[in-house]
C-alpha atoms as a PDB file:
ATOM      1  CA  MET A   1     -77.941 -10.155  24.456  1.00  0.00           C
ATOM      2  CA  PRO A   2     -79.078 -13.281  23.221  1.00  0.00           C
ATOM      3  CA  ASP A   3     -77.232 -16.051  22.127  1.00  0.00           C
ATOM      4  CA  ALA A   4     -76.636 -16.633  18.763  1.00  0.00           C
ATOM      5  CA  ALA A   5     -75.432 -12.659  18.599  1.00  0.00           C
ATOM      6  CA  ARG A   6     -72.692 -13.228  22.129  1.00  0.00           C
ATOM      7  CA  LEU A   7     -71.469 -16.292  19.783  1.00  0.00           C
ATOM      8  CA  ARG A   8     -70.882 -14.183  17.005  1.00  0.00           C
ATOM      9  CA  VAL A   9     -68.853 -11.723  18.916  1.00  0.00           C
ATOM     10  CA  VAL A  10     -66.763 -14.198  20.656  1.00  0.00           C
ATOM     11  CA  VAL A  11     -66.081 -16.088  16.974  1.00  0.00           C
ATOM     12  CA  VAL A  12     -65.290 -12.531  15.247  1.00  0.00           C
ATOM     13  CA  ALA A  13     -62.846 -11.958  18.626  1.00  0.00           C
ATOM     14  CA  THR A  14     -60.940 -14.541  18.896  1.00  0.00           C
ATOM     15  CA  ALA A  15     -61.207 -14.877  15.293  1.00  0.00           C
ATOM     16  CA  ALA A  16     -59.249 -10.706  15.555  1.00  0.00           C
ATOM     17  CA  VAL A  17     -57.118 -11.670  18.212  1.00  0.00           C
ATOM     18  CA  SER A  18     -55.710 -15.237  16.238  1.00  0.00           C
ATOM     19  CA  LEU A  19     -55.113 -13.163  13.104  1.00  0.00           C
ATOM     20  CA  LEU A  20     -53.052 -10.109  15.050  1.00  0.00           C
ATOM     21  CA  GLY A  21     -51.019 -13.164  16.913  1.00  0.00           C
ATOM     22  CA  ALA A  22     -50.220 -14.251  13.406  1.00  0.00           C
ATOM     23  CA  CYS A  23     -48.929 -10.698  12.411  1.00  0.00           C
ATOM     24  CA  ALA A  24     -47.305  -9.635  15.498  1.00  0.00           C
ATOM     25  CA  GLY A  25     -45.298 -13.403  14.922  1.00  0.00           C
ATOM     26  CA  GLU A  26     -43.951 -12.210  11.778  1.00  0.00           C
ATOM     27  CA  ALA A  27     -43.232  -8.888  11.955  1.00  0.00           C
ATOM     28  CA  GLY A  28     -41.761  -9.531  15.995  1.00  0.00           C
ATOM     29  CA  ALA A  29     -40.137 -13.040  14.588  1.00  0.00           C
ATOM     30  CA  PRO A  30     -36.854 -13.662  15.986  1.00  0.00           C
ATOM     31  CA  ALA A  31     -33.932 -13.738  13.260  1.00  0.00           C
ATOM     32  CA  PHE A  32     -33.118 -17.135  15.038  1.00  0.00           C
ATOM     33  CA  SER A  33     -35.270 -20.592  15.159  1.00  0.00           C
ATOM     34  CA  THR A  34     -36.099 -20.652  19.134  1.00  0.00           C
ATOM     35  CA  LEU A  35     -36.154 -24.662  17.841  1.00  0.00           C
ATOM     36  CA  PRO A  36     -33.552 -27.439  19.336  1.00  0.00           C
ATOM     37  CA  PRO A  37     -31.288 -27.493  16.476  1.00  0.00           C
ATOM     38  CA  SER A  38     -32.200 -31.031  14.728  1.00  0.00           C
ATOM     39  CA  PRO A  39     -28.880 -34.201  15.300  1.00  0.00           C
ATOM     40  CA  SER A  40     -27.704 -33.880  12.163  1.00  0.00           C
ATOM     41  CA  SER A  41     -27.449 -29.932  11.756  1.00  0.00           C
ATOM     42  CA  GLY A  42     -23.711 -30.107  14.507  1.00  0.00           C
ATOM     43  CA  VAL A  43     -25.163 -27.535  15.958  1.00  0.00           C
ATOM     44  CA  THR A  44     -24.730 -27.591  19.900  1.00  0.00           C
ATOM     45  CA  PRO A  45     -27.277 -25.273  21.480  1.00  0.00           C
ATOM     46  CA  ALA A  46     -26.485 -22.657  24.244  1.00  0.00           C
ATOM     47  CA  PRO A  47     -26.677 -23.461  27.456  1.00  0.00           C
ATOM     48  CA  SER A  48     -30.081 -21.929  29.325  1.00  0.00           C
ATOM     49  CA  ARG A  49     -29.276 -19.280  32.056  1.00  0.00           C
ATOM     50  CA  GLY A  50     -28.210 -20.844  35.507  1.00  0.00           C
ATOM     51  CA  GLU A  51     -25.860 -24.248  33.296  1.00  0.00           C
ATOM     52  CA  SER A  52     -22.236 -24.010  33.480  1.00  0.00           C
ATOM     53  CA  VAL A  53     -20.020 -23.973  30.426  1.00  0.00           C
ATOM     54  CA  PRO A  54     -17.189 -26.617  29.521  1.00  0.00           C
ATOM     55  CA  PRO A  55     -14.881 -24.677  28.744  1.00  0.00           C
ATOM     56  CA  ALA A  56     -13.276 -24.831  25.124  1.00  0.00           C
ATOM     57  CA  VAL A  57     -11.064 -27.757  24.154  1.00  0.00           C
ATOM     58  CA  VAL A  58      -8.164 -26.632  21.687  1.00  0.00           C
ATOM     59  CA  PRO A  59      -6.086 -29.095  20.316  1.00  0.00           C
ATOM     60  CA  PRO A  60      -2.206 -28.394  20.802  1.00  0.00           C
ATOM     61  CA  ARG A  61      -0.458 -26.865  17.555  1.00  0.00           C
ATOM     62  CA  PRO A  62       1.222 -29.334  16.351  1.00  0.00           C
ATOM     63  CA  ALA A  63       5.226 -28.527  16.268  1.00  0.00           C
ATOM     64  CA  LYS A  64       7.010 -26.150  13.087  1.00  0.00           C
ATOM     65  CA  PRO A  65       8.778 -28.390  10.460  1.00  0.00           C
ATOM     66  CA  GLN A  66      11.976 -27.404  10.095  1.00  0.00           C
ATOM     67  CA  SER A  67      14.092 -27.639   6.746  1.00  0.00           C
ATOM     68  CA  THR A  68      14.445 -31.015   6.123  1.00  0.00           C
ATOM     69  CA  THR A  69      17.079 -30.579   3.435  1.00  0.00           C
ATOM     70  CA  ALA A  70      21.130 -29.706   3.422  1.00  0.00           C
ATOM     71  CA  ALA A  71      22.250 -26.450   3.253  1.00  0.00           C
ATOM     72  CA  ILE A  72      23.039 -25.286  -0.505  1.00  0.00           C
ATOM     73  CA  ASP A  73      25.248 -22.809  -1.957  1.00  0.00           C
ATOM     74  CA  VAL A  74      23.229 -20.692  -4.991  1.00  0.00           C
ATOM     75  CA  GLN A  75      25.215 -18.257  -7.580  1.00  0.00           C
ATOM     76  CA  GLY A  76      22.667 -16.187  -9.305  1.00  0.00           C
ATOM     77  CA  VAL A  77      21.816 -12.197  -9.742  1.00  0.00           C
ATOM     78  CA  VAL A  78      19.757 -10.476  -6.878  1.00  0.00           C
ATOM     79  CA  ARG A  79      16.546  -9.132  -8.129  1.00  0.00           C
ATOM     80  CA  ALA A  80      13.763  -7.058  -6.538  1.00  0.00           C
ATOM     81  CA  GLY A  81      10.780  -9.390  -6.487  1.00  0.00           C
ATOM     82  CA  VAL A  82       7.615  -8.508  -8.481  1.00  0.00           C
ATOM     83  CA  GLU A  83       5.160  -7.663  -4.349  1.00  0.00           C
ATOM     84  CA  SER A  84       6.903  -4.880  -2.600  1.00  0.00           C
ATOM     85  CA  GLY A  85       9.725  -5.765  -0.136  1.00  0.00           C
ATOM     86  CA  CYS A  86      10.764  -9.230  -1.336  1.00  0.00           C
ATOM     87  CA  LEU A  87      14.285 -10.263  -2.754  1.00  0.00           C
ATOM     88  CA  VAL A  88      14.805 -12.958  -5.160  1.00  0.00           C
ATOM     89  CA  LEU A  89      17.305 -14.717  -6.560  1.00  0.00           C
ATOM     90  CA  GLU A  90      17.436 -15.950 -10.182  1.00  0.00           C
ATOM     91  CA  ALA A  91      19.908 -18.555 -10.269  1.00  0.00           C
ATOM     92  CA  HIS A  92      23.363 -18.238 -12.174  1.00  0.00           C
ATOM     93  CA  GLY A  93      23.135 -21.031 -15.295  1.00  0.00           C
ATOM     94  CA  ALA A  94      19.246 -22.173 -14.404  1.00  0.00           C
ATOM     95  CA  GLU A  95      15.866 -21.097 -14.831  1.00  0.00           C
ATOM     96  CA  THR A  96      15.350 -21.362 -11.534  1.00  0.00           C
ATOM     97  CA  THR A  97      14.054 -18.496  -9.332  1.00  0.00           C
ATOM     98  CA  PHE A  98      14.556 -18.704  -5.659  1.00  0.00           C
ATOM     99  CA  THR A  99      12.157 -16.560  -2.895  1.00  0.00           C
ATOM    100  CA  LEU A 100      15.347 -15.119  -0.012  1.00  0.00           C
ATOM    101  CA  VAL A 101      14.257 -14.783   2.963  1.00  0.00           C
ATOM    102  CA  GLY A 102      16.598 -15.082   6.343  1.00  0.00           C
ATOM    103  CA  GLU A 103      19.491 -13.029   6.618  1.00  0.00           C
ATOM    104  CA  THR A 104      19.334 -10.993   3.190  1.00  0.00           C
ATOM    105  CA  SER A 105      20.472  -7.590   4.752  1.00  0.00           C
ATOM    106  CA  GLY A 106      23.727  -7.501   2.454  1.00  0.00           C
ATOM    107  CA  LEU A 107      22.312  -8.204  -0.025  1.00  0.00           C
ATOM    108  CA  VAL A 108      22.110  -5.251  -3.271  1.00  0.00           C
ATOM    109  CA  VAL A 109      19.796  -5.901  -5.872  1.00  0.00           C
ATOM    110  CA  GLY A 110      21.539  -6.624  -9.111  1.00  0.00           C
ATOM    111  CA  GLU A 111      24.516  -8.275  -6.941  1.00  0.00           C
ATOM    112  CA  LEU A 112      26.095 -11.462  -8.641  1.00  0.00           C
ATOM    113  CA  VAL A 113      25.882 -13.512  -5.432  1.00  0.00           C
ATOM    114  CA  THR A 114      26.808 -16.392  -3.609  1.00  0.00           C
ATOM    115  CA  VAL A 115      24.284 -17.622  -1.115  1.00  0.00           C
ATOM    116  CA  ARG A 116      24.250 -20.550   1.133  1.00  0.00           C
ATOM    117  CA  GLY A 117      21.255 -22.140   2.582  1.00  0.00           C
ATOM    118  CA  THR A 118      18.110 -24.506   2.891  1.00  0.00           C
ATOM    119  CA  LEU A 119      14.937 -24.822   0.987  1.00  0.00           C
ATOM    120  CA  ARG A 120      12.258 -24.356   3.292  1.00  0.00           C
ATOM    121  CA  PRO A 121       8.996 -25.636   1.892  1.00  0.00           C
ATOM    122  CA  ASP A 122       7.350 -25.745   4.848  1.00  0.00           C
ATOM    123  CA  ILE A 123       7.033 -21.224   4.611  1.00  0.00           C
ATOM    124  CA  MET A 124       4.983 -19.772   2.573  1.00  0.00           C
ATOM    125  CA  THR A 125       5.378 -16.099   1.378  1.00  0.00           C
ATOM    126  CA  THR A 126       3.674 -13.020  -0.070  1.00  0.00           C
ATOM    127  CA  CYS A 127       6.292 -13.166  -2.858  1.00  0.00           C
ATOM    128  CA  GLN A 128       5.155 -15.578  -4.758  1.00  0.00           C
ATOM    129  CA  GLN A 129       7.889 -16.495  -6.827  1.00  0.00           C
ATOM    130  CA  GLY A 130      10.017 -19.430  -6.785  1.00  0.00           C
ATOM    131  CA  GLN A 131      11.633 -21.665  -4.279  1.00  0.00           C
ATOM    132  CA  VAL A 132      11.573 -20.254  -0.017  1.00  0.00           C
ATOM    133  CA  LEU A 133      15.480 -20.463   0.420  1.00  0.00           C
ATOM    134  CA  ASP A 134      16.573 -19.292   4.055  1.00  0.00           C
ATOM    135  CA  VAL A 135      19.906 -17.939   3.283  1.00  0.00           C
ATOM    136  CA  ARG A 136      22.671 -18.118   6.389  1.00  0.00           C
ATOM    137  CA  SER A 137      25.433 -16.793   4.737  1.00  0.00           C
ATOM    138  CA  SER A 138      25.601 -15.046   1.207  1.00  0.00           C
ATOM    139  CA  GLY A 139      28.727 -13.434  -0.652  1.00  0.00           C
ATOM    140  CA  ALA A 140      29.800 -11.399  -4.034  1.00  0.00           C
ATOM    141  CA  SER A 141      30.604 -13.653  -6.884  1.00  0.00           C
ATOM    142  CA  THR A 142      33.733 -13.302  -8.349  1.00  0.00           C
ATOM    143  CA  ALA A 143      32.061 -15.673 -11.347  1.00  0.00           C
ATOM    144  CA  ARG A 144      30.241 -14.470 -13.988  1.00  0.00           C
END
């Protein structure tokens, strides 16, 4: 084979291999980058095989804050909350609503009661009505 023909075969073969390699790289490309992350990305690369993984450092949870308010007495009517299973107290003589938590087992919807408890702004509920009142005691009220 003359040198020019041999050179043409080598060039065509090299081009074909390059094109096939480029196509295979696109179709079979991994879904993630194999390049190390940039320092500004904030991502730590996973250790390679044989490297030990440092233990995860989990900061301790802060202590759950307790109520810092004194006990209060509130008189009102027990109502069913807008969310299932929630009880609220519509305060008598005021336009205030309290979500009742704590000792609520003796409370009946529609009953006029006086409850003693503490306001708990640190507690979140799914009831979505008024301030949370942690009930410690309750009783029927005779005043209307």
